[in-house]
Amino acid sequence: MILTFFSIKREIRDITYKGFGWYGYLADDEINEETIKKIKNLGGNAININVYYEYDRENQTFILLSNLTKIKEKIGLAHKNNLKVFLSPFVNLIGGHYTGGMINDSVFLKKAKNISVELSKFADENNVELYANWNELGLAIHKMSDSINLTNEWLQSTREEIRKYYKGILTTKEGVQFGLYENYNFSGYDCIGLTFYPFSTSFAKDPNTNITYAGVESLEEYEKIVKKEFERIERLKRKFNIKCVILGEIGIDVVNGKFLGNDENSEQIRAKAYEIVLENGVGRVDGFFFNKFYEDDENKELDEVFKRFFQGPN
């Protein structure tokens, strides 16, 4: 794809949130003056700050891991540097394990709603520009009986309560995995928000955590899947008459059976994947928040992709 000066300028104008995020156990500790400087150097104007919890299935209780005083300081630091803040709750099981398909109790849904509403008050008090009500709620409960209806009931009842307290832009953060999101009810939200990890039949373990991740067989396949997902998103925009789309966490974990780490080859693959997302998403997506962003990255290819779309020619 050849981009002219004018097409790049158009693309920059079309992106409202040019963002980055850290996703993992208390990963927001990495948000500091240096990382914010790097974000701005890449043309970024937004940052995703997560509030981390763990859920104890045995006792049916949530445990707050993040220090809200520190989160408040991170929000203030971002605003001081003219970055927009995207705040969202982020929940794992005890020990940091993924919640996908692991929740099978109604207590979780009730307490998750309470947490989401209370955190929206915190977001409003701290002038957070963009707030997501949860992270992949639908995927967490997708093995429960009647999970689609339960998800939709939760999305709508939570939205109604949050609107009483939060005056900023309200979005979701549901996963594109399995295509379940096509059945969700996004009515009344300012934006359709999604985590964006397209995958097919390729799997690999992270050698550091021994956790298995899903991915694609090739970048060619990845591009085909990305294009199909954007077509689905366009249909949802028309269905709910919502013009705004937020990709609240974008990443790629596995290609051709290999887990993508920090090595040079992984970074080159990641750069090409993110370029595919941006090339196909600009004009359709209002906010991009990229995962696996490293402050001390020695491979500049990824930086150049971000600069080209977020910053444009000098």
Protein backbone atom coordinates (compact mmCIF):
# COMPACT_ATOMS: atom_id res chain seq x y z
CA MET A 1 0.00 0.00 0.00
CA ILE A 2 1.53 3.31 -1.11
CA LEU A 3 0.60 6.25 1.10
CA THR A 4 0.85 9.79 -0.24
CA PHE A 5 1.41 12.81 1.97
CA PHE A 6 -2.29 13.66 1.73
CA SER A 7 -3.52 10.13 2.48
CA ILE A 8 -1.32 9.97 5.57
CA LYS A 9 -2.66 13.35 6.70
CA ARG A 10 -6.22 12.06 6.23
CA GLU A 11 -5.45 8.96 8.28
CA ILE A 12 -3.94 10.95 11.14
CA ARG A 13 -7.03 13.17 11.21
CA ASP A 14 -9.31 10.14 11.33
CA ILE A 15 -7.70 8.62 14.45
CA THR A 16 -9.07 10.18 17.64
CA TYR A 17 -7.21 7.94 20.10
CA LYS A 18 -3.67 6.99 19.11
CA GLY A 19 -2.90 4.84 22.09
CA PHE A 20 -0.78 2.27 23.84
CA GLY A 21 -1.22 0.06 26.87
CA TRP A 22 0.55 -2.43 29.09
CA TYR A 23 -1.39 -5.60 29.83
CA GLY A 24 -0.34 -7.99 32.56
CA TYR A 25 0.04 -8.28 36.31
CA LEU A 26 0.12 -4.69 37.61
CA ALA A 27 1.67 -3.70 34.28
CA ASP A 28 0.77 -0.08 34.84
CA ASP A 29 3.82 0.21 37.09
CA GLU A 30 5.63 0.68 33.76
CA ILE A 31 3.80 3.94 33.09
CA ASN A 32 6.20 6.75 33.95
CA GLU A 33 7.76 9.89 32.49
CA GLU A 34 10.04 7.91 30.18
CA THR A 35 7.35 5.68 28.70
CA ILE A 36 5.02 8.62 28.24
CA LYS A 37 7.80 10.48 26.44
CA LYS A 38 8.18 7.47 24.12
CA ILE A 39 4.44 7.42 23.43
CA LYS A 40 4.48 11.09 22.46
CA ASN A 41 7.58 10.63 20.29
CA LEU A 42 5.67 7.99 18.33
CA GLY A 43 2.77 10.39 17.78
CA GLY A 44 0.56 8.83 20.44
CA ASN A 45 -2.03 10.92 22.27
CA ALA A 46 -3.70 8.37 24.57
CA ILE A 47 -2.93 5.66 27.10
CA ASN A 48 -4.92 2.72 28.45
CA ILE A 49 -4.64 2.44 32.23
CA ASN A 50 -6.12 -0.70 33.75
CA VAL A 51 -7.31 -1.32 37.29
CA TYR A 52 -6.39 -4.92 38.11
CA TYR A 53 -8.42 -7.44 40.09
CA GLU A 54 -8.32 -11.17 40.72
CA TYR A 55 -11.42 -13.30 41.17
CA ASP A 56 -11.48 -16.10 43.73
CA ARG A 57 -13.97 -18.63 42.32
CA GLU A 58 -14.04 -20.68 45.50
CA ASN A 59 -15.08 -17.76 47.71
CA GLN A 60 -16.78 -15.82 44.88
CA THR A 61 -14.92 -12.64 45.76
CA PHE A 62 -12.94 -10.01 43.88
CA ILE A 63 -9.55 -8.88 45.15
CA LEU A 64 -8.33 -5.42 44.18
CA LEU A 65 -4.66 -5.61 43.21
CA SER A 66 -4.07 -2.09 41.95
CA ASN A 67 -3.38 0.79 44.28
CA LEU A 68 -6.00 3.42 43.37
CA THR A 69 -3.83 6.20 44.79
CA LYS A 70 -1.09 5.19 42.33
CA ILE A 71 -3.63 4.89 39.51
CA LYS A 72 -4.79 8.42 40.29
CA GLU A 73 -1.17 9.56 40.05
CA LYS A 74 -0.75 7.79 36.69
CA ILE A 75 -3.88 9.51 35.36
CA GLY A 76 -2.56 12.86 36.56
CA LEU A 77 0.82 12.21 34.93
CA ALA A 78 -0.86 11.33 31.63
CA HIS A 79 -3.03 14.46 31.72
CA LYS A 80 -0.03 16.59 32.66
CA ASN A 81 1.57 15.38 29.42
CA ASN A 82 -1.59 16.02 27.38
CA LEU A 83 -2.48 12.36 26.92
CA LYS A 84 -6.09 11.19 26.91
CA VAL A 85 -6.79 8.41 29.42
CA PHE A 86 -8.69 5.21 28.69
CA LEU A 87 -9.54 3.49 31.98
CA SER A 88 -10.90 -0.02 32.38
CA PRO A 89 -11.13 -2.82 34.97
CA PHE A 90 -9.03 -5.88 34.14
CA VAL A 91 -9.75 -9.18 35.89
CA ASN A 92 -7.85 -12.44 36.09
CA LEU A 93 -8.38 -15.50 38.24
CA ILE A 94 -6.24 -16.12 41.31
CA GLY A 95 -2.63 -16.49 40.23
CA GLY A 96 -3.10 -14.32 37.15
CA HIS A 97 -4.90 -16.96 35.07
CA TYR A 98 -7.15 -15.91 32.20
CA THR A 99 -10.89 -15.77 32.93
CA GLY A 100 -12.02 -16.84 29.43
CA GLY A 101 -14.64 -19.59 29.75
CA MET A 102 -13.81 -20.04 33.43
CA ILE A 103 -16.71 -18.19 35.08
CA ASN A 104 -19.92 -20.06 35.83
CA ASP A 105 -21.68 -18.20 38.64
CA SER A 106 -24.14 -15.34 38.80
CA VAL A 107 -22.38 -13.83 41.82
CA PHE A 108 -19.52 -12.87 39.50
CA LEU A 109 -21.89 -10.87 37.30
CA LYS A 110 -23.50 -9.02 40.21
CA LYS A 111 -20.20 -8.11 41.84
CA ALA A 112 -18.59 -7.23 38.50
CA LYS A 113 -21.40 -4.75 37.88
CA ASN A 114 -20.85 -3.15 41.28
CA ILE A 115 -17.12 -2.84 40.62
CA SER A 116 -17.68 -1.36 37.17
CA VAL A 117 -20.11 1.27 38.49
CA GLU A 118 -17.86 2.23 41.41
CA LEU A 119 -14.84 2.50 39.14
CA SER A 120 -16.82 4.73 36.76
CA LYS A 121 -17.24 7.18 39.65
CA PHE A 122 -13.47 7.14 40.14
CA ALA A 123 -13.06 7.75 36.39
CA ASP A 124 -15.39 10.73 36.48
CA GLU A 125 -13.72 12.22 39.55
CA ASN A 126 -10.38 12.06 37.74
CA ASN A 127 -11.63 13.45 34.41
CA VAL A 128 -10.94 10.24 32.50
CA GLU A 129 -11.87 10.80 28.86
CA LEU A 130 -12.76 7.21 27.94
CA TYR A 131 -14.07 4.44 30.20
CA ALA A 132 -14.71 0.77 29.40
CA ASN A 133 -17.16 -1.02 31.65
CA TRP A 134 -15.19 -4.31 31.72
CA ASN A 135 -12.59 -6.41 29.95
CA GLU A 136 -14.00 -9.37 27.94
CA LEU A 137 -17.02 -10.05 30.16
CA GLY A 138 -18.69 -12.11 27.44
CA LEU A 139 -15.67 -14.34 26.95
CA ALA A 140 -15.36 -14.92 30.70
CA ILE A 141 -18.89 -16.36 30.91
CA HIS A 142 -19.27 -17.82 27.40
CA LYS A 143 -19.60 -21.39 28.72
CA MET A 144 -22.51 -20.49 30.98
CA SER A 145 -25.99 -21.47 29.86
CA ASP A 146 -27.63 -18.63 27.90
CA SER A 147 -24.38 -16.64 28.03
CA ILE A 148 -25.32 -14.28 25.18
CA ASN A 149 -28.47 -13.08 26.94
CA LEU A 150 -26.64 -12.84 30.26
CA THR A 151 -23.93 -10.75 28.62
CA ASN A 152 -26.46 -8.45 27.00
CA GLU A 153 -28.41 -8.00 30.22
CA TRP A 154 -25.18 -7.16 32.01
CA LEU A 155 -24.03 -4.70 29.33
CA GLN A 156 -27.32 -2.82 29.39
CA SER A 157 -27.95 -2.75 33.14
CA THR A 158 -24.35 -1.69 33.81
CA ARG A 159 -24.56 1.05 31.17
CA GLU A 160 -27.72 2.46 32.76
CA GLU A 161 -26.06 2.69 36.18
CA ILE A 162 -22.76 4.11 34.89
CA ARG A 163 -24.58 6.87 33.01
CA LYS A 164 -25.75 8.23 36.39
CA TYR A 165 -22.17 8.97 37.42
CA TYR A 166 -19.80 9.08 34.46
CA LYS A 167 -19.94 11.99 32.00
CA GLY A 168 -17.17 10.94 29.62
CA ILE A 169 -17.12 8.59 26.63
CA LEU A 170 -18.48 5.17 27.59
CA THR A 171 -17.43 2.05 25.72
CA THR A 172 -17.20 -1.70 26.07
CA LYS A 173 -14.11 -3.90 25.81
CA GLU A 174 -15.43 -7.23 24.52
CA GLY A 175 -13.29 -9.79 22.72
CA VAL A 176 -13.52 -10.60 19.01
CA GLN A 177 -12.65 -14.25 19.70
CA PHE A 178 -15.23 -16.80 18.53
CA GLY A 179 -17.31 -14.04 16.90
CA LEU A 180 -19.58 -13.87 19.95
CA TYR A 181 -19.51 -10.09 19.97
CA GLU A 182 -21.68 -10.02 16.84
CA ASN A 183 -24.59 -11.05 19.10
CA TYR A 184 -23.98 -8.49 21.83
CA ASN A 185 -26.23 -5.51 22.46
CA PHE A 186 -24.17 -2.31 22.25
CA SER A 187 -27.22 -0.02 22.33
CA GLY A 188 -26.67 3.21 24.22
CA TYR A 189 -22.87 3.07 24.30
CA ASP A 190 -20.86 5.90 22.79
CA CYS A 191 -18.45 3.46 21.19
CA ILE A 192 -18.26 -0.21 20.31
CA GLY A 193 -15.13 -1.30 22.14
CA LEU A 194 -13.29 -4.55 21.45
CA THR A 195 -10.09 -6.32 22.34
CA PHE A 196 -8.50 -7.36 19.07
CA TYR A 197 -6.59 -10.65 18.94
CA PRO A 198 -7.75 -12.35 15.72
CA PHE A 199 -6.78 -16.04 15.65
CA SER A 200 -7.41 -19.31 13.84
CA THR A 201 -5.69 -22.66 14.39
CA SER A 202 -2.16 -21.86 15.54
CA PHE A 203 -1.20 -22.24 19.22
CA ALA A 204 1.99 -21.88 21.24
CA LYS A 205 3.12 -21.53 24.84
CA ASP A 206 4.76 -18.47 26.31
CA PRO A 207 8.07 -19.96 27.50
CA ASN A 208 8.12 -17.61 30.48
CA THR A 209 4.66 -18.45 31.85
CA ASN A 210 3.86 -21.79 30.19
CA ILE A 211 0.45 -20.34 29.23
CA THR A 212 -0.88 -21.37 25.82
CA TYR A 213 -1.91 -18.61 23.42
CA ALA A 214 -3.80 -18.66 20.13
CA GLY A 215 -2.76 -17.04 16.87
CA VAL A 216 -2.60 -17.48 13.12
CA GLU A 217 -0.73 -19.66 10.67
CA SER A 218 0.67 -16.72 8.69
CA LEU A 219 0.45 -12.97 8.28
CA GLU A 220 -1.46 -13.52 5.06
CA GLU A 221 -4.11 -15.37 7.04
CA TYR A 222 -4.00 -12.67 9.71
CA GLU A 223 -4.78 -9.99 7.12
CA LYS A 224 -7.76 -11.95 5.80
CA ILE A 225 -9.14 -12.37 9.32
CA VAL A 226 -8.57 -8.70 10.15
CA LYS A 227 -10.50 -7.61 7.05
CA LYS A 228 -13.40 -9.92 7.92
CA GLU A 229 -13.52 -8.61 11.49
CA PHE A 230 -13.67 -5.02 10.25
CA GLU A 231 -16.57 -5.95 7.97
CA ARG A 232 -18.40 -7.40 10.99
CA ILE A 233 -17.67 -4.27 12.99
CA GLU A 234 -19.05 -2.10 10.20
CA ARG A 235 -22.30 -4.07 10.32
CA LEU A 236 -22.54 -3.52 14.07
CA LYS A 237 -22.00 0.22 13.62
CA ARG A 238 -24.94 0.34 11.23
CA LYS A 239 -27.11 -1.92 13.39
CA PHE A 240 -26.73 0.18 16.54
CA ASN A 241 -26.17 3.53 14.80
CA ILE A 242 -22.89 3.97 16.65
CA LYS A 243 -20.17 5.82 14.76
CA CYS A 244 -17.31 5.27 17.20
CA VAL A 245 -15.18 2.10 17.42
CA ILE A 246 -12.37 1.53 19.93
CA LEU A 247 -9.89 -1.33 19.62
CA GLY A 248 -9.12 -1.30 23.31
CA GLU A 249 -6.28 -3.81 23.24
CA ILE A 250 -4.55 -4.91 20.05
CA GLY A 251 -2.03 -7.71 19.93
CA ILE A 252 -0.74 -10.78 18.16
CA ASP A 253 0.64 -13.67 20.18
CA VAL A 254 1.34 -16.58 17.85
CA VAL A 255 2.29 -17.00 14.18
CA ASN A 256 2.91 -20.41 12.60
CA GLY A 257 3.15 -22.16 15.98
CA LYS A 258 5.72 -19.70 17.39
CA PHE A 259 5.04 -17.47 20.38
CA LEU A 260 6.01 -13.88 19.68
CA GLY A 261 8.42 -12.57 22.26
CA ASN A 262 10.92 -9.69 22.24
CA ASP A 263 13.40 -11.05 19.70
CA GLU A 264 14.06 -9.26 16.43
CA ASN A 265 12.04 -11.66 14.28
CA SER A 266 9.02 -11.37 16.60
CA GLU A 267 9.20 -7.59 16.47
CA GLN A 268 9.32 -7.62 12.68
CA ILE A 269 6.26 -9.86 12.55
CA ARG A 270 4.48 -7.67 15.10
CA ALA A 271 5.30 -4.55 13.08
CA LYS A 272 3.79 -6.07 9.94
CA ALA A 273 0.70 -7.23 11.84
CA TYR A 274 0.12 -3.81 13.38
CA GLU A 275 0.59 -2.21 9.99
CA ILE A 276 -2.16 -4.49 8.65
CA VAL A 277 -4.50 -3.41 11.45
CA LEU A 278 -3.82 0.27 10.84
CA GLU A 279 -4.01 0.10 7.05
CA ASN A 280 -7.37 -1.63 7.20
CA GLY A 281 -8.73 0.11 10.28
CA VAL A 282 -8.09 3.79 9.67
CA GLY A 283 -11.34 5.43 8.65
CA ARG A 284 -13.30 2.67 10.35
CA VAL A 285 -11.78 2.76 13.84
CA ASP A 286 -11.56 5.83 16.07
CA GLY A 287 -9.17 4.50 18.68
CA PHE A 288 -6.23 2.10 18.55
CA PHE A 289 -4.55 0.85 21.75
CA PHE A 290 -1.58 -1.39 21.03
CA ASN A 291 -0.19 -4.10 23.29
CA LYS A 292 3.35 -5.44 23.47
CA PHE A 293 4.90 -1.99 23.33
CA TYR A 294 8.43 -1.94 24.73
CA GLU A 295 10.21 1.17 25.93
CA ASP A 296 13.69 -0.18 25.14
CA ASP A 297 12.80 -1.76 21.81
CA GLU A 298 15.93 -2.01 19.65
CA ASN A 299 13.99 -2.90 16.51
CA LYS A 300 12.87 0.37 14.95
CA GLU A 301 10.53 -1.13 12.36
CA LEU A 302 7.61 -1.11 14.77
CA ASP A 303 8.36 2.49 15.78
CA GLU A 304 8.28 3.53 12.14
CA VAL A 305 4.86 1.95 11.64
CA PHE A 306 3.44 3.93 14.55
CA LYS A 307 5.10 7.16 13.41
CA ARG A 308 3.81 6.76 9.87
CA PHE A 309 0.18 6.43 10.99
CA PHE A 310 0.21 8.48 14.18
CA GLN A 311 2.66 11.21 13.31
CA GLY A 312 3.06 11.38 9.53
CA PRO A 313 5.95 12.88 7.57
CA ASN A 314 8.10 15.50 9.27
